[in-house]
């Protein structure tokens, strides 16, 4: 089931200061409806080491349905604020992982 949901595309960009926008598209490659996954966002430093990890549940990223329809794509975006005590200048990349908690 989990292999049937793929992150089709994604973007992570600084809006201003400590505010960022995460955008992503989830694709269901299965011939059946599949439960909407949670997303793990890892913000990485120049050495690609995680500085921050956060799990984002479907209700937080705006999924209106508990399932992703067969052979469909769901697109969403989310505004995030990184706390100032985290050295935001160290954030140079990100990784996304779709999973079932």
Protein backbone atom coordinates (compact mmCIF):
# COMPACT_ATOMS: atom_id res chain seq x y z
CA UNK A 1 0.00 0.00 0.00
CA UNK A 2 2.68 2.54 1.01
CA UNK A 3 4.66 2.02 -2.20
CA UNK A 4 1.59 3.06 -4.21
CA UNK A 5 1.71 6.63 -2.90
CA UNK A 6 4.58 8.67 -4.32
CA UNK A 7 5.59 12.29 -3.93
CA UNK A 8 5.22 13.41 -7.53
CA UNK A 9 6.76 16.86 -7.04
CA UNK A 10 7.64 19.22 -4.21
CA UNK A 11 8.99 22.67 -3.41
CA UNK A 12 10.22 24.40 -0.27
CA UNK A 13 11.00 28.09 -0.28
CA UNK A 14 11.56 30.95 2.12
CA UNK A 15 8.76 33.51 1.96
CA UNK A 16 10.43 35.99 4.32
CA UNK A 17 12.38 35.83 7.55
CA UNK A 18 11.52 32.57 9.32
CA UNK A 19 8.43 31.88 7.18
CA UNK A 20 8.53 29.18 4.51
CA UNK A 21 6.10 27.56 2.09
CA UNK A 22 6.05 23.82 1.42
CA UNK A 23 4.26 22.57 -1.66
CA UNK A 24 3.90 18.97 -2.81
CA UNK A 25 1.89 16.61 -4.96
CA UNK A 26 0.97 13.08 -3.88
CA UNK A 27 0.23 10.53 -6.58
CA UNK A 28 -1.66 7.27 -6.10
CA UNK A 29 -0.31 4.74 -8.60
CA UNK A 30 -2.57 1.92 -7.33
CA UNK A 31 -5.75 0.72 -9.03
CA UNK A 32 -7.63 1.33 -5.74
CA UNK A 33 -8.16 4.24 -3.34
CA UNK A 34 -5.38 4.47 -0.72
CA UNK A 35 -5.40 6.17 2.69
CA UNK A 36 -3.82 9.63 2.72
CA UNK A 37 -0.31 9.37 4.26
CA UNK A 38 1.46 11.60 6.75
CA UNK A 39 4.47 13.57 5.47
CA UNK A 40 7.84 13.79 7.19
CA UNK A 41 9.67 17.02 6.37
CA UNK A 42 13.41 17.12 7.13
CA UNK A 43 15.18 20.45 6.72
CA UNK A 44 18.84 19.86 5.98
CA UNK A 45 22.13 21.73 6.37
CA UNK A 46 24.90 22.10 3.75
CA UNK A 47 26.14 18.56 4.58
CA UNK A 48 22.60 17.18 3.96
CA UNK A 49 22.23 16.39 7.69
CA UNK A 50 18.77 16.98 9.21
CA UNK A 51 18.51 20.18 11.27
CA UNK A 52 14.75 19.89 11.88
CA UNK A 53 12.30 17.02 11.38
CA UNK A 54 8.56 17.46 11.48
CA UNK A 55 5.69 15.08 10.82
CA UNK A 56 2.71 16.69 9.08
CA UNK A 57 -0.59 14.84 9.30
CA UNK A 58 -3.17 14.95 6.49
CA UNK A 59 -5.44 17.20 8.57
CA UNK A 60 -2.58 19.71 8.91
CA UNK A 61 -1.76 19.86 5.19
CA UNK A 62 -5.37 20.36 4.15
CA UNK A 63 -6.42 16.94 2.87
CA UNK A 64 -10.21 17.03 2.68
CA UNK A 65 -10.51 13.28 2.27
CA UNK A 66 -9.06 10.36 4.22
CA UNK A 67 -8.21 8.59 0.95
CA UNK A 68 -6.48 9.41 -2.30
CA UNK A 69 -8.49 8.14 -5.26
CA UNK A 70 -7.07 5.52 -7.59
CA UNK A 71 -4.64 6.87 -10.23
CA UNK A 72 -5.04 10.47 -9.03
CA UNK A 73 -2.81 13.31 -7.87
CA UNK A 74 -3.46 15.52 -4.83
CA UNK A 75 -1.67 18.86 -4.58
CA UNK A 76 -1.29 20.90 -1.44
CA UNK A 77 0.77 23.57 0.23
CA UNK A 78 1.46 24.61 3.77
CA UNK A 79 2.92 27.71 5.42
CA UNK A 80 5.57 26.90 8.03
CA UNK A 81 7.50 29.03 10.50
CA UNK A 82 10.94 27.88 11.61
CA UNK A 83 11.70 28.94 15.17
CA UNK A 84 14.42 31.61 15.35
CA UNK A 85 16.52 29.56 17.82
CA UNK A 86 17.11 27.10 14.99
CA UNK A 87 19.90 28.54 12.89
CA UNK A 88 17.82 29.12 9.75
CA UNK A 89 20.95 30.14 7.86
CA UNK A 90 22.00 26.47 8.20
CA UNK A 91 18.92 25.29 6.27
CA UNK A 92 19.97 24.70 2.69
CA UNK A 93 17.73 21.84 1.58
CA UNK A 94 14.85 19.55 2.47
CA UNK A 95 13.59 15.99 2.12
CA UNK A 96 10.01 14.72 2.10
CA UNK A 97 8.85 11.24 2.93
CA UNK A 98 5.26 9.96 2.71
CA UNK A 99 4.53 7.31 5.37
CA UNK A 100 1.85 5.75 7.56
CA UNK A 101 2.32 6.39 11.30
